[in-house]
PDB file of N, CA and C in Angstrom:
ATOM      1  N   MET A   1      99.769 -40.934 -50.584  1.00  0.00           N
ATOM      2  CA  MET A   1      98.886 -39.796 -50.719  1.00  0.00           C
ATOM      3  C   MET A   1      99.150 -39.095 -52.035  1.00  0.00           C
ATOM      4  N   ASP A   2      98.150 -38.460 -52.433  1.00  0.00           N
ATOM      5  CA  ASP A   2      98.235 -37.721 -53.681  1.00  0.00           C
ATOM      6  C   ASP A   2      99.044 -36.443 -53.457  1.00  0.00           C
ATOM      7  N   THR A   3      99.823 -36.060 -54.436  1.00  0.00           N
ATOM      8  CA  THR A   3     100.671 -34.859 -54.300  1.00  0.00           C
ATOM      9  C   THR A   3      99.847 -33.589 -54.152  1.00  0.00           C
ATOM     10  N   SER A   4      98.667 -33.557 -54.711  1.00  0.00           N
ATOM     11  CA  SER A   4      97.843 -32.352 -54.579  1.00  0.00           C
ATOM     12  C   SER A   4      97.330 -32.197 -53.146  1.00  0.00           C
ATOM     13  N   ILE A   5      97.062 -33.323 -52.496  1.00  0.00           N
ATOM     14  CA  ILE A   5      96.618 -33.265 -51.096  1.00  0.00           C
ATOM     15  C   ILE A   5      97.770 -32.823 -50.202  1.00  0.00           C
ATOM     16  N   ILE A   6      98.940 -33.365 -50.460  1.00  0.00           N
ATOM     17  CA  ILE A   6     100.136 -32.973 -49.680  1.00  0.00           C
ATOM     18  C   ILE A   6     100.426 -31.498 -49.894  1.00  0.00           C
ATOM     19  N   GLY A   7     100.325 -31.038 -51.105  1.00  0.00           N
ATOM     20  CA  GLY A   7     100.546 -29.619 -51.401  1.00  0.00           C
ATOM     21  C   GLY A   7      99.525 -28.741 -50.703  1.00  0.00           C
ATOM     22  N   ALA A   8      98.266 -29.182 -50.673  1.00  0.00           N
ATOM     23  CA  ALA A   8      97.217 -28.411 -50.005  1.00  0.00           C
ATOM     24  C   ALA A   8      97.449 -28.373 -48.499  1.00  0.00           C
ATOM     25  N   LEU A   9      97.875 -29.490 -47.929  1.00  0.00           N
ATOM     26  CA  LEU A   9      98.168 -29.528 -46.488  1.00  0.00           C
ATOM     27  C   LEU A   9      99.336 -28.613 -46.130  1.00  0.00           C
ATOM     28  N   ILE A  10     100.369 -28.644 -46.937  1.00  0.00           N
ATOM     29  CA  ILE A  10     101.531 -27.766 -46.695  1.00  0.00           C
ATOM     30  C   ILE A  10     101.111 -26.307 -46.816  1.00  0.00           C
ATOM     31  N   THR A  11     100.351 -25.996 -47.860  1.00  0.00           N
ATOM     32  CA  THR A  11      99.884 -24.624 -48.048  1.00  0.00           C
ATOM     33  C   THR A  11      99.010 -24.196 -46.879  1.00  0.00           C
ATOM     34  N   GLY A  12      98.115 -25.060 -46.439  1.00  0.00           N
ATOM     35  CA  GLY A  12      97.245 -24.758 -45.296  1.00  0.00           C
ATOM     36  C   GLY A  12      98.048 -24.532 -44.030  1.00  0.00           C
ATOM     37  N   ALA A  13      99.068 -25.375 -43.825  1.00  0.00           N
ATOM     38  CA  ALA A  13      99.904 -25.227 -42.632  1.00  0.00           C
ATOM     39  C   ALA A  13     100.638 -23.898 -42.636  1.00  0.00           C
ATOM     40  N   PHE A  14     101.201 -23.533 -43.771  1.00  0.00           N
ATOM     41  CA  PHE A  14     101.891 -22.242 -43.864  1.00  0.00           C
ATOM     42  C   PHE A  14     100.924 -21.073 -43.696  1.00  0.00           C
ATOM     43  N   THR A  15      99.720 -21.221 -44.199  1.00  0.00           N
ATOM     44  CA  THR A  15      98.718 -20.165 -44.043  1.00  0.00           C
ATOM     45  C   THR A  15      98.361 -19.980 -42.573  1.00  0.00           C
ATOM     46  N   VAL A  16      98.124 -21.072 -41.873  1.00  0.00           N
ATOM     47  CA  VAL A  16      97.813 -21.015 -40.443  1.00  0.00           C
ATOM     48  C   VAL A  16      98.985 -20.400 -39.675  1.00  0.00           C
ATOM     49  N   LEU A  17     100.198 -20.827 -40.022  1.00  0.00           N
ATOM     50  CA  LEU A  17     101.384 -20.281 -39.367  1.00  0.00           C
ATOM     51  C   LEU A  17     101.493 -18.779 -39.600  1.00  0.00           C
ATOM     52  N   ALA A  18     101.245 -18.335 -40.821  1.00  0.00           N
ATOM     53  CA  ALA A  18     101.305 -16.905 -41.132  1.00  0.00           C
ATOM     54  C   ALA A  18     100.250 -16.132 -40.349  1.00  0.00           C
ATOM     55  N   VAL A  19      99.055 -16.663 -40.236  1.00  0.00           N
ATOM     56  CA  VAL A  19      97.982 -16.006 -39.472  1.00  0.00           C
ATOM     57  C   VAL A  19      98.350 -15.918 -37.999  1.00  0.00           C
ATOM     58  N   VAL A  20      98.893 -16.978 -37.433  1.00  0.00           N
ATOM     59  CA  VAL A  20      99.288 -16.978 -36.019  1.00  0.00           C
ATOM     60  C   VAL A  20     100.380 -15.942 -35.771  1.00  0.00           C
ATOM     61  N   ILE A  21     101.373 -15.896 -36.638  1.00  0.00           N
ATOM     62  CA  ILE A  21     102.466 -14.928 -36.485  1.00  0.00           C
ATOM     63  C   ILE A  21     101.935 -13.509 -36.597  1.00  0.00           C
ATOM     64  N   THR A  22     101.077 -13.249 -37.574  1.00  0.00           N
ATOM     65  CA  THR A  22     100.515 -11.912 -37.763  1.00  0.00           C
ATOM     66  C   THR A  22      99.676 -11.493 -36.562  1.00  0.00           C
ATOM     67  N   ASN A  23      98.839 -12.381 -36.074  1.00  0.00           N
ATOM     68  CA  ASN A  23      98.005 -12.061 -34.918  1.00  0.00           C
ATOM     69  C   ASN A  23      98.847 -11.791 -33.673  1.00  0.00           C
ATOM     70  N   THR A  24      99.878 -12.590 -33.476  1.00  0.00           N
ATOM     71  CA  THR A  24     100.763 -12.387 -32.331  1.00  0.00           C
ATOM     72  C   THR A  24     101.434 -11.015 -32.404  1.00  0.00           C
ATOM     73  N   TYR A  25     101.935 -10.674 -33.573  1.00  0.00           N
ATOM     74  CA  TYR A  25     102.585  -9.380 -33.760  1.00  0.00           C
ATOM     75  C   TYR A  25     101.600  -8.238 -33.502  1.00  0.00           C
ATOM     76  N   GLN A  26     100.404  -8.344 -34.050  1.00  0.00           N
ATOM     77  CA  GLN A  26      99.411  -7.282 -33.876  1.00  0.00           C
ATOM     78  C   GLN A  26      98.980  -7.157 -32.418  1.00  0.00           C
ATOM     79  N   ASN A  27      98.851  -8.274 -31.730  1.00  0.00           N
ATOM     80  CA  ASN A  27      98.481  -8.227 -30.311  1.00  0.00           C
ATOM     81  C   ASN A  27      99.567  -7.558 -29.475  1.00  0.00           C
ATOM     82  N   ARG A  28     100.811  -7.871 -29.757  1.00  0.00           N
ATOM     83  CA  ARG A  28     101.917  -7.235 -29.032  1.00  0.00           C
ATOM     84  C   ARG A  28     101.940  -5.735 -29.300  1.00  0.00           C
ATOM     85  N   ARG A  29     101.756  -5.386 -30.558  1.00  0.00           N
ATOM     86  CA  ARG A  29     101.772  -3.970 -30.929  1.00  0.00           C
ATOM     87  C   ARG A  29     100.609  -3.228 -30.265  1.00  0.00           C
ATOM     88  N   ALA A  30      99.441  -3.831 -30.239  1.00  0.00           N
ATOM     89  CA  ALA A  30      98.278  -3.220 -29.594  1.00  0.00           C
ATOM     90  C   ALA A  30      98.516  -3.074 -28.091  1.00  0.00           C
ATOM     91  N   ALA A  31      99.147  -4.068 -27.488  1.00  0.00           N
ATOM     92  CA  ALA A  31      99.442  -3.997 -26.060  1.00  0.00           C
ATOM     93  C   ALA A  31     100.427  -2.877 -25.761  1.00  0.00           C
ATOM     94  N   GLU A  32     101.435  -2.710 -26.613  1.00  0.00           N
ATOM     95  CA  GLU A  32     102.407  -1.630 -26.420  1.00  0.00           C
ATOM     96  C   GLU A  32     101.735  -0.263 -26.579  1.00  0.00           C
ATOM     97  N   GLU A  33     100.867  -0.132 -27.575  1.00  0.00           N
ATOM     98  CA  GLU A  33     100.159   1.131 -27.775  1.00  0.00           C
ATOM     99  C   GLU A  33      99.244   1.430 -26.590  1.00  0.00           C
ATOM    100  N   MET A  34      98.607   0.398 -26.072  1.00  0.00           N
ATOM    101  CA  MET A  34      97.727   0.583 -24.923  1.00  0.00           C
ATOM    102  C   MET A  34      98.532   1.001 -23.696  1.00  0.00           C
ATOM    103  N   ALA A  35      99.719   0.437 -23.524  1.00  0.00           N
ATOM    104  CA  ALA A  35     100.571   0.800 -22.393  1.00  0.00           C
ATOM    105  C   ALA A  35     100.987   2.265 -22.492  1.00  0.00           C
ATOM    106  N   VAL A  36     101.301   2.733 -23.695  1.00  0.00           N
ATOM    107  CA  VAL A  36     101.678   4.134 -23.888  1.00  0.00           C
ATOM    108  C   VAL A  36     100.487   5.040 -23.569  1.00  0.00           C
ATOM    109  N   LYS A  37      99.314   4.678 -24.065  1.00  0.00           N
ATOM    110  CA  LYS A  37      98.122   5.474 -23.797  1.00  0.00           C
ATOM    111  C   LYS A  37      97.806   5.503 -22.309  1.00  0.00           C
ATOM    112  N   LEU A  38      97.962   4.373 -21.649  1.00  0.00           N
ATOM    113  CA  LEU A  38      97.707   4.300 -20.218  1.00  0.00           C
ATOM    114  C   LEU A  38      98.674   5.185 -19.442  1.00  0.00           C
ATOM    115  N   ALA A  39      99.931   5.194 -19.853  1.00  0.00           N
ATOM    116  CA  ALA A  39     100.921   6.051 -19.193  1.00  0.00           C
ATOM    117  C   ALA A  39     100.552   7.524 -19.376  1.00  0.00           C
ATOM    118  N   LEU A  40     100.108   7.897 -20.564  1.00  0.00           N
ATOM    119  CA  LEU A  40      99.704   9.279 -20.810  1.00  0.00           C
ATOM    120  C   LEU A  40      98.487   9.656 -19.974  1.00  0.00           C
ATOM    121  N   ILE A  41      97.549   8.734 -19.858  1.00  0.00           N
ATOM    122  CA  ILE A  41      96.358   9.002 -19.054  1.00  0.00           C
ATOM    123  C   ILE A  41      96.738   9.178 -17.583  1.00  0.00           C
ATOM    124  N   LYS A  42      97.627   8.325 -17.089  1.00  0.00           N
ATOM    125  CA  LYS A  42      98.077   8.453 -15.699  1.00  0.00           C
ATOM    126  C   LYS A  42      98.756   9.796 -15.465  1.00  0.00           C
ATOM    127  N   GLN A  43      99.591  10.211 -16.406  1.00  0.00           N
ATOM    128  CA  GLN A  43     100.275  11.496 -16.277  1.00  0.00           C
ATOM    129  C   GLN A  43      99.267  12.638 -16.275  1.00  0.00           C
ATOM    130  N   GLU A  44      98.276  12.551 -17.140  1.00  0.00           N
ATOM    131  CA  GLU A  44      97.259  13.601 -17.197  1.00  0.00           C
ATOM    132  C   GLU A  44      96.442  13.639 -15.902  1.00  0.00           C
ATOM    133  N   ILE A  45      96.142  12.485 -15.350  1.00  0.00           N
ATOM    134  CA  ILE A  45      95.406  12.437 -14.086  1.00  0.00           C
ATOM    135  C   ILE A  45      96.227  13.071 -12.969  1.00  0.00           C
ATOM    136  N   GLU A  46      97.525  12.796 -12.933  1.00  0.00           N
ATOM    137  CA  GLU A  46      98.388  13.393 -11.915  1.00  0.00           C
ATOM    138  C   GLU A  46      98.422  14.909 -12.064  1.00  0.00           C
ATOM    139  N   THR A  47      98.507  15.393 -13.304  1.00  0.00           N
ATOM    140  CA  THR A  47      98.518  16.834 -13.545  1.00  0.00           C
ATOM    141  C   THR A  47      97.205  17.457 -13.087  1.00  0.00           C
ATOM    142  N   LEU A  48      96.104  16.827 -13.437  1.00  0.00           N
ATOM    143  CA  LEU A  48      94.800  17.348 -13.021  1.00  0.00           C
ATOM    144  C   LEU A  48      94.652  17.307 -11.507  1.00  0.00           C
ATOM    145  N   SER A  49      95.166  16.257 -10.886  1.00  0.00           N
ATOM    146  CA  SER A  49      95.109  16.147  -9.433  1.00  0.00           C
ATOM    147  C   SER A  49      95.885  17.280  -8.775  1.00  0.00           C
ATOM    148  N   ASP A  50      97.053  17.590  -9.311  1.00  0.00           N
ATOM    149  CA  ASP A  50      97.845  18.708  -8.785  1.00  0.00           C
ATOM    150  C   ASP A  50      97.086  20.026  -8.932  1.00  0.00           C
ATOM    151  N   ARG A  51      96.449  20.211 -10.064  1.00  0.00           N
ATOM    152  CA  ARG A  51      95.699  21.443 -10.293  1.00  0.00           C
ATOM    153  C   ARG A  51      94.508  21.550  -9.347  1.00  0.00           C
ATOM    154  N   VAL A  52      93.846  20.430  -9.091  1.00  0.00           N
ATOM    155  CA  VAL A  52      92.720  20.429  -8.154  1.00  0.00           C
ATOM    156  C   VAL A  52      93.207  20.752  -6.751  1.00  0.00           C
ATOM    157  N   ASP A  53      94.349  20.194  -6.362  1.00  0.00           N
ATOM    158  CA  ASP A  53      94.911  20.491  -5.046  1.00  0.00           C
ATOM    159  C   ASP A  53      95.208  21.983  -4.901  1.00  0.00           C
ATOM    160  N   LYS A  54      95.794  22.583  -5.931  1.00  0.00           N
ATOM    161  CA  LYS A  54      96.071  24.021  -5.892  1.00  0.00           C
ATOM    162  C   LYS A  54      94.776  24.818  -5.785  1.00  0.00           C
ATOM    163  N   HIS A  55      93.775  24.405  -6.554  1.00  0.00           N
ATOM    164  CA  HIS A  55      92.489  25.098  -6.515  1.00  0.00           C
ATOM    165  C   HIS A  55      91.875  25.002  -5.117  1.00  0.00           C
ATOM    166  N   ASN A  56      91.903  23.812  -4.542  1.00  0.00           N
ATOM    167  CA  ASN A  56      91.344  23.628  -3.205  1.00  0.00           C
ATOM    168  C   ASN A  56      92.081  24.466  -2.178  1.00  0.00           C
ATOM    169  N   SER A  57      93.382  24.599  -2.346  1.00  0.00           N
ATOM    170  CA  SER A  57      94.170  25.430  -1.442  1.00  0.00           C
ATOM    171  C   SER A  57      93.726  26.889  -1.535  1.00  0.00           C
ATOM    172  N   VAL A  58      93.485  27.356  -2.735  1.00  0.00           N
ATOM    173  CA  VAL A  58      93.024  28.734  -2.919  1.00  0.00           C
ATOM    174  C   VAL A  58      91.652  28.919  -2.280  1.00  0.00           C
ATOM    175  N   ILE A  59      90.778  27.953  -2.455  1.00  0.00           N
ATOM    176  CA  ILE A  59      89.441  28.033  -1.862  1.00  0.00           C
ATOM    177  C   ILE A  59      89.531  28.084  -0.340  1.00  0.00           C
ATOM    178  N   GLU A  60      90.381  27.252   0.249  1.00  0.00           N
ATOM    179  CA  GLU A  60      90.541  27.246   1.703  1.00  0.00           C
ATOM    180  C   GLU A  60      91.073  28.588   2.204  1.00  0.00           C
ATOM    181  N   ARG A  61      92.067  29.125   1.505  1.00  0.00           N
ATOM    182  CA  ARG A  61      92.614  30.420   1.916  1.00  0.00           C
ATOM    183  C   ARG A  61      91.577  31.523   1.766  1.00  0.00           C
ATOM    184  N   THR A  62      90.794  31.471   0.705  1.00  0.00           N
ATOM    185  CA  THR A  62      89.749  32.469   0.493  1.00  0.00           C
ATOM    186  C   THR A  62      88.717  32.396   1.616  1.00  0.00           C
ATOM    187  N   TYR A  63      88.332  31.186   1.999  1.00  0.00           N
ATOM    188  CA  TYR A  63      87.369  31.016   3.086  1.00  0.00           C
ATOM    189  C   TYR A  63      87.913  31.612   4.383  1.00  0.00           C
ATOM    190  N   LYS A  64      89.178  31.342   4.681  1.00  0.00           N
ATOM    191  CA  LYS A  64      89.782  31.897   5.901  1.00  0.00           C
ATOM    192  C   LYS A  64      89.831  33.421   5.840  1.00  0.00           C
ATOM    193  N   LEU A  65      90.170  33.964   4.667  1.00  0.00           N
ATOM    194  CA  LEU A  65      90.194  35.417   4.524  1.00  0.00           C
ATOM    195  C   LEU A  65      88.802  36.020   4.711  1.00  0.00           C
ATOM    196  N   GLU A  66      87.791  35.349   4.195  1.00  0.00           N
ATOM    197  CA  GLU A  66      86.422  35.835   4.372  1.00  0.00           C
ATOM    198  C   GLU A  66      86.033  35.813   5.846  1.00  0.00           C
ATOM    199  N   GLN A  67      86.453  34.793   6.572  1.00  0.00           N
ATOM    200  CA  GLN A  67      86.166  34.744   8.006  1.00  0.00           C
ATOM    201  C   GLN A  67      86.860  35.893   8.737  1.00  0.00           C
ATOM    202  N   ARG A  68      88.114  36.116   8.418  1.00  0.00           N
ATOM    203  CA  ARG A  68      88.856  37.217   9.056  1.00  0.00           C
ATOM    204  C   ARG A  68      88.229  38.562   8.720  1.00  0.00           C
ATOM    205  N   THR A  69      87.807  38.721   7.478  1.00  0.00           N
ATOM    206  CA  THR A  69      87.174  39.968   7.071  1.00  0.00           C
ATOM    207  C   THR A  69      85.885  40.182   7.849  1.00  0.00           C
ATOM    208  N   ALA A  70      85.101  39.139   8.038  1.00  0.00           N
ATOM    209  CA  ALA A  70      83.865  39.253   8.808  1.00  0.00           C
ATOM    210  C   ALA A  70      84.162  39.674  10.245  1.00  0.00           C
ATOM    211  N   VAL A  71      85.199  39.099  10.852  1.00  0.00           N
ATOM    212  CA  VAL A  71      85.582  39.455  12.219  1.00  0.00           C
ATOM    213  C   VAL A  71      86.020  40.919  12.271  1.00  0.00           C
ATOM    214  N   LEU A  72      86.833  41.338  11.312  1.00  0.00           N
ATOM    215  CA  LEU A  72      87.295  42.733  11.289  1.00  0.00           C
ATOM    216  C   LEU A  72      86.140  43.702  11.066  1.00  0.00           C
ATOM    217  N   GLU A  73      85.184  43.340  10.224  1.00  0.00           N
ATOM    218  CA  GLU A  73      84.017  44.191   9.994  1.00  0.00           C
ATOM    219  C   GLU A  73      83.199  44.325  11.274  1.00  0.00           C
ATOM    220  N   GLU A  74      83.052  43.226  12.002  1.00  0.00           N
ATOM    221  CA  GLU A  74      82.312  43.267  13.267  1.00  0.00           C
ATOM    222  C   GLU A  74      83.045  44.140  14.285  1.00  0.00           C
ATOM    223  N   LYS A  75      84.369  44.026  14.330  1.00  0.00           N
ATOM    224  CA  LYS A  75      85.149  44.871  15.244  1.00  0.00           C
ATOM    225  C   LYS A  75      85.011  46.344  14.864  1.00  0.00           C
ATOM    226  N   ALA A  76      84.998  46.616  13.563  1.00  0.00           N
ATOM    227  CA  ALA A  76      84.833  48.004  13.114  1.00  0.00           C
ATOM    228  C   ALA A  76      83.461  48.532  13.508  1.00  0.00           C
ATOM    229  N   LYS A  77      82.419  47.720  13.410  1.00  0.00           N
ATOM    230  CA  LYS A  77      81.076  48.144  13.809  1.00  0.00           C
ATOM    231  C   LYS A  77      81.036  48.459  15.300  1.00  0.00           C
ATOM    232  N   VAL A  78      81.652  47.579  16.105  1.00  0.00           N
ATOM    233  CA  VAL A  78      81.689  47.784  17.554  1.00  0.00           C
ATOM    234  C   VAL A  78      82.441  49.076  17.873  1.00  0.00           C
ATOM    235  N   ALA A  79      83.562  49.288  17.203  1.00  0.00           N
ATOM    236  CA  ALA A  79      84.343  50.504  17.443  1.00  0.00           C
ATOM    237  C   ALA A  79      83.538  51.734  17.042  1.00  0.00           C
ATOM    238  N   ASN A  80      82.835  51.663  15.926  1.00  0.00           N
ATOM    239  CA  ASN A  80      82.019  52.809  15.495  1.00  0.00           C
ATOM    240  C   ASN A  80      80.898  53.089  16.488  1.00  0.00           C
ATOM    241  N   HIS A  81      80.288  52.057  17.045  1.00  0.00           N
ATOM    242  CA  HIS A  81      79.235  52.259  18.059  1.00  0.00           C
ATOM    243  C   HIS A  81      79.826  52.901  19.306  1.00  0.00           C
ATOM    244  N   ARG A  82      81.006  52.476  19.705  1.00  0.00           N
ATOM    245  CA  ARG A  82      81.655  53.074  20.885  1.00  0.00           C
ATOM    246  C   ARG A  82      81.951  54.548  20.645  1.00  0.00           C
ATOM    247  N   ILE A  83      82.465  54.847  19.462  1.00  0.00           N
ATOM    248  CA  ILE A  83      82.759  56.243  19.125  1.00  0.00           C
ATOM    249  C   ILE A  83      81.481  57.067  19.143  1.00  0.00           C
ATOM    250  N   THR A  84      80.431  56.521  18.576  1.00  0.00           N
ATOM    251  CA  THR A  84      79.149  57.217  18.549  1.00  0.00           C
ATOM    252  C   THR A  84      78.648  57.439  19.977  1.00  0.00           C
ATOM    253  N   ASP A  85      78.739  56.404  20.836  1.00  0.00           N
ATOM    254  CA  ASP A  85      78.316  56.525  22.219  1.00  0.00           C
ATOM    255  C   ASP A  85      79.141  57.581  22.946  1.00  0.00           C
ATOM    256  N   LEU A  86      80.459  57.605  22.709  1.00  0.00           N
ATOM    257  CA  LEU A  86      81.321  58.591  23.359  1.00  0.00           C
ATOM    258  C   LEU A  86      80.988  59.999  22.874  1.00  0.00           C
ATOM    259  N   GLU A  87      80.687  60.165  21.602  1.00  0.00           N
ATOM    260  CA  GLU A  87      80.332  61.486  21.076  1.00  0.00           C
ATOM    261  C   GLU A  87      79.009  61.955  21.659  1.00  0.00           C
ATOM    262  N   GLU A  88      78.075  61.048  21.875  1.00  0.00           N
ATOM    263  CA  GLU A  88      76.768  61.422  22.440  1.00  0.00           C
ATOM    264  C   GLU A  88      76.889  61.781  23.895  1.00  0.00           C
ATOM    265  N   ASP A  89      77.832  61.185  24.628  1.00  0.00           N
ATOM    266  CA  ASP A  89      78.002  61.467  26.053  1.00  0.00           C
ATOM    267  C   ASP A  89      78.592  62.841  26.262  1.00  0.00           C
ATOM    268  N   GLU A  90      79.246  63.420  25.324  1.00  0.00           N
ATOM    269  CA  GLU A  90      79.891  64.731  25.482  1.00  0.00           C
ATOM    270  C   GLU A  90      78.933  65.831  25.460  1.00  0.00           C
TER     271      GLU A  90
END
């Protein structure tokens, strides 16, 4: 074989090898970066989930307080009617 062909084949082989090594390195690096981003997203989702749980707890307590307030208001109305009835009977 001609030396120029052998030289071109060797150069081509090294070029292909360099491209494969570079691509492998970049893929690993991209995978590591993606894993870090995924971990951050998971942490943020957990934080948001905790905040939603706290919010829902406040809403539930507020609803219960509103129910109790309605019951107390109704009892106050009944008591006021009784007082009014007793005052009229005198």
